[in-house]
Amino acid sequence: MNYDQVIYFIFTFAFTEGLAAVVVEKGARAKAGFIDDKGKFIIKPQFDDASQFSEGFAAVNVGKNRGYIDKNGIMVI
């Protein structure tokens, strides 16, 4: 799916630190990413689960792996 053309989200979190986690698609194909206040993806949907940003980091899951990303989407922990 071309996420530049997503027009709605399955689920959204509240904005924290300027970004909101959103889920696109449903079921096994669901992926989470992060948008800015204009609805533009800053971090493309690629995570199986994601939490809100706090102190510059957000917890994410990819498969059985869990870690923390920064606001550029880079896994740092």
N, C-alpha and C. Protein backbone atom coordinates (compact mmCIF):
# COMPACT_ATOMS: atom_id res chain seq x y z
N MET A 1 0.85 -1.19 0.00
CA MET A 1 0.00 0.00 0.00
C MET A 1 0.88 1.24 0.00
N ASN A 2 0.49 2.23 -0.76
CA ASN A 2 1.20 3.51 -0.78
C ASN A 2 0.66 4.38 0.35
N TYR A 3 1.44 4.51 1.42
CA TYR A 3 0.96 5.23 2.59
C TYR A 3 0.91 6.74 2.39
N ASP A 4 1.43 7.24 1.29
CA ASP A 4 1.30 8.67 1.00
C ASP A 4 -0.13 9.00 0.60
N GLN A 5 -0.92 7.97 0.27
CA GLN A 5 -2.28 8.19 -0.19
C GLN A 5 -3.34 7.74 0.82
N VAL A 6 -2.94 7.43 2.04
CA VAL A 6 -3.90 7.01 3.07
C VAL A 6 -4.81 8.18 3.38
N ILE A 7 -6.12 7.92 3.38
CA ILE A 7 -7.06 9.00 3.66
C ILE A 7 -7.79 8.83 4.99
N TYR A 8 -7.64 7.70 5.62
CA TYR A 8 -8.22 7.51 6.95
C TYR A 8 -7.37 6.53 7.74
N PHE A 9 -7.56 6.56 9.04
CA PHE A 9 -6.79 5.70 9.93
C PHE A 9 -7.73 4.78 10.67
N ILE A 10 -7.29 3.57 10.94
CA ILE A 10 -8.08 2.60 11.70
C ILE A 10 -8.13 3.01 13.17
N PHE A 11 -7.01 3.51 13.67
CA PHE A 11 -6.91 3.90 15.08
C PHE A 11 -5.88 5.02 15.20
N THR A 12 -6.12 5.96 16.09
CA THR A 12 -5.14 7.01 16.34
C THR A 12 -4.94 7.20 17.84
N PHE A 13 -3.71 7.53 18.20
CA PHE A 13 -3.40 7.94 19.57
C PHE A 13 -3.43 9.47 19.62
N ALA A 14 -3.44 10.02 20.80
CA ALA A 14 -3.35 11.47 20.97
C ALA A 14 -1.96 11.96 20.55
N PHE A 15 -1.89 13.20 20.16
CA PHE A 15 -0.60 13.80 19.82
C PHE A 15 0.22 14.01 21.09
N THR A 16 1.47 13.58 21.04
CA THR A 16 2.43 13.87 22.10
C THR A 16 3.73 14.24 21.43
N GLU A 17 4.33 15.28 21.90
CA GLU A 17 5.61 15.75 21.36
C GLU A 17 5.53 15.99 19.85
N GLY A 18 4.35 16.43 19.39
CA GLY A 18 4.18 16.81 18.00
C GLY A 18 3.84 15.68 17.04
N LEU A 19 3.75 14.45 17.53
CA LEU A 19 3.45 13.31 16.66
C LEU A 19 2.34 12.46 17.28
N ALA A 20 1.59 11.79 16.42
CA ALA A 20 0.56 10.86 16.88
C ALA A 20 0.77 9.51 16.20
N ALA A 21 0.71 8.45 16.99
CA ALA A 21 0.77 7.10 16.42
C ALA A 21 -0.58 6.82 15.76
N VAL A 22 -0.54 6.22 14.59
CA VAL A 22 -1.76 5.84 13.87
C VAL A 22 -1.60 4.43 13.33
N VAL A 23 -2.73 3.74 13.18
CA VAL A 23 -2.73 2.39 12.61
C VAL A 23 -3.48 2.43 11.29
N VAL A 24 -2.87 1.85 10.28
CA VAL A 24 -3.51 1.74 8.98
C VAL A 24 -3.74 0.26 8.68
N GLU A 25 -4.76 -0.01 7.91
CA GLU A 25 -5.17 -1.37 7.55
C GLU A 25 -5.69 -2.11 8.77
N LYS A 26 -6.19 -3.31 8.56
CA LYS A 26 -6.80 -4.10 9.64
C LYS A 26 -6.19 -5.48 9.71
N GLY A 27 -6.41 -6.13 10.84
CA GLY A 27 -6.00 -7.52 11.01
C GLY A 27 -4.51 -7.73 10.89
N ALA A 28 -4.13 -8.82 10.25
CA ALA A 28 -2.71 -9.19 10.15
C ALA A 28 -1.90 -8.18 9.34
N ARG A 29 -2.56 -7.38 8.51
CA ARG A 29 -1.85 -6.39 7.69
C ARG A 29 -1.70 -5.04 8.39
N ALA A 30 -2.25 -4.90 9.58
CA ALA A 30 -2.21 -3.62 10.29
C ALA A 30 -0.77 -3.21 10.60
N LYS A 31 -0.47 -1.95 10.36
CA LYS A 31 0.85 -1.38 10.67
C LYS A 31 0.66 -0.02 11.31
N ALA A 32 1.55 0.31 12.23
CA ALA A 32 1.51 1.61 12.91
C ALA A 32 2.65 2.49 12.42
N GLY A 33 2.35 3.77 12.34
CA GLY A 33 3.35 4.78 12.00
C GLY A 33 3.02 6.05 12.77
N PHE A 34 3.65 7.16 12.41
CA PHE A 34 3.45 8.41 13.13
C PHE A 34 3.21 9.55 12.16
N ILE A 35 2.22 10.39 12.48
CA ILE A 35 1.90 11.54 11.65
C ILE A 35 2.15 12.83 12.43
N ASP A 36 2.28 13.93 11.66
CA ASP A 36 2.36 15.25 12.28
C ASP A 36 0.97 15.85 12.37
N ASP A 37 0.85 17.08 12.81
CA ASP A 37 -0.46 17.71 13.00
C ASP A 37 -1.17 18.06 11.70
N LYS A 38 -0.51 17.86 10.56
CA LYS A 38 -1.15 18.07 9.26
C LYS A 38 -1.58 16.75 8.63
N GLY A 39 -1.33 15.63 9.34
CA GLY A 39 -1.70 14.31 8.84
C GLY A 39 -0.66 13.68 7.94
N LYS A 40 0.50 14.29 7.82
CA LYS A 40 1.57 13.75 6.98
C LYS A 40 2.38 12.72 7.77
N PHE A 41 2.67 11.59 7.13
CA PHE A 41 3.49 10.59 7.80
C PHE A 41 4.91 11.11 7.96
N ILE A 42 5.37 11.15 9.19
CA ILE A 42 6.75 11.49 9.51
C ILE A 42 7.55 10.20 9.63
N ILE A 43 6.92 9.17 10.19
CA ILE A 43 7.51 7.83 10.26
C ILE A 43 6.49 6.89 9.62
N LYS A 44 6.85 6.33 8.49
CA LYS A 44 5.93 5.48 7.72
C LYS A 44 5.45 4.28 8.54
N PRO A 45 4.23 3.80 8.27
CA PRO A 45 3.71 2.62 8.96
C PRO A 45 4.60 1.40 8.68
N GLN A 46 5.18 0.86 9.74
CA GLN A 46 6.08 -0.28 9.61
C GLN A 46 6.13 -1.12 10.87
N PHE A 47 5.40 -0.70 11.90
CA PHE A 47 5.46 -1.36 13.20
C PHE A 47 4.18 -2.15 13.45
N ASP A 48 4.33 -3.30 14.13
CA ASP A 48 3.16 -4.09 14.49
C ASP A 48 2.40 -3.46 15.65
N ASP A 49 3.09 -2.67 16.45
CA ASP A 49 2.47 -1.95 17.56
C ASP A 49 3.34 -0.74 17.88
N ALA A 50 2.75 0.31 18.38
CA ALA A 50 3.50 1.52 18.73
C ALA A 50 2.79 2.25 19.85
N SER A 51 3.58 2.94 20.66
CA SER A 51 3.01 3.75 21.74
C SER A 51 3.29 5.22 21.45
N GLN A 52 2.82 6.08 22.33
CA GLN A 52 3.04 7.51 22.18
C GLN A 52 4.48 7.87 22.52
N PHE A 53 4.93 9.00 21.98
CA PHE A 53 6.26 9.49 22.32
C PHE A 53 6.26 10.08 23.73
N SER A 54 7.36 9.83 24.43
CA SER A 54 7.58 10.39 25.75
C SER A 54 9.08 10.60 25.90
N GLU A 55 9.47 11.80 26.23
CA GLU A 55 10.88 12.15 26.39
C GLU A 55 11.70 11.81 25.15
N GLY A 56 11.08 11.97 23.98
CA GLY A 56 11.79 11.79 22.71
C GLY A 56 11.80 10.39 22.15
N PHE A 57 11.14 9.43 22.83
CA PHE A 57 11.15 8.04 22.38
C PHE A 57 9.75 7.44 22.40
N ALA A 58 9.53 6.45 21.53
CA ALA A 58 8.27 5.70 21.52
C ALA A 58 8.60 4.21 21.46
N ALA A 59 7.89 3.42 22.25
CA ALA A 59 8.06 1.96 22.21
C ALA A 59 7.35 1.42 20.97
N VAL A 60 8.00 0.48 20.29
CA VAL A 60 7.43 -0.14 19.10
C VAL A 60 7.72 -1.64 19.11
N ASN A 61 6.87 -2.38 18.41
CA ASN A 61 7.07 -3.81 18.22
C ASN A 61 7.16 -4.07 16.73
N VAL A 62 8.09 -4.95 16.37
CA VAL A 62 8.18 -5.48 15.01
C VAL A 62 8.34 -6.99 15.19
N GLY A 63 7.27 -7.72 14.88
CA GLY A 63 7.29 -9.15 15.16
C GLY A 63 7.41 -9.36 16.66
N LYS A 64 8.36 -10.20 17.07
CA LYS A 64 8.57 -10.46 18.50
C LYS A 64 9.59 -9.51 19.10
N ASN A 65 10.13 -8.61 18.30
CA ASN A 65 11.13 -7.66 18.79
C ASN A 65 10.47 -6.38 19.28
N ARG A 66 10.92 -5.89 20.42
CA ARG A 66 10.40 -4.65 20.99
C ARG A 66 11.58 -3.72 21.25
N GLY A 67 11.38 -2.45 20.98
CA GLY A 67 12.43 -1.48 21.23
C GLY A 67 11.86 -0.08 21.27
N TYR A 68 12.75 0.91 21.20
CA TYR A 68 12.35 2.31 21.23
C TYR A 68 12.94 3.02 20.03
N ILE A 69 12.11 3.86 19.41
CA ILE A 69 12.56 4.66 18.28
C ILE A 69 12.65 6.13 18.69
N ASP A 70 13.47 6.87 17.95
CA ASP A 70 13.50 8.32 18.13
C ASP A 70 12.51 8.94 17.14
N LYS A 71 12.46 10.25 17.08
CA LYS A 71 11.48 10.93 16.21
C LYS A 71 11.83 10.86 14.73
N ASN A 72 12.97 10.24 14.39
CA ASN A 72 13.31 9.97 13.00
C ASN A 72 12.96 8.54 12.61
N GLY A 73 12.42 7.77 13.56
CA GLY A 73 12.04 6.39 13.29
C GLY A 73 13.19 5.42 13.41
N ILE A 74 14.30 5.85 13.97
CA ILE A 74 15.48 5.00 14.11
C ILE A 74 15.41 4.26 15.45
N MET A 75 15.57 2.95 15.39
CA MET A 75 15.58 2.13 16.60
C MET A 75 16.83 2.47 17.40
N VAL A 76 16.64 2.94 18.62
CA VAL A 76 17.78 3.37 19.43
C VAL A 76 18.02 2.49 20.65
N ILE A 77 17.03 1.76 21.07
CA ILE A 77 17.19 0.85 22.23
C ILE A 77 16.54 -0.48 21.88
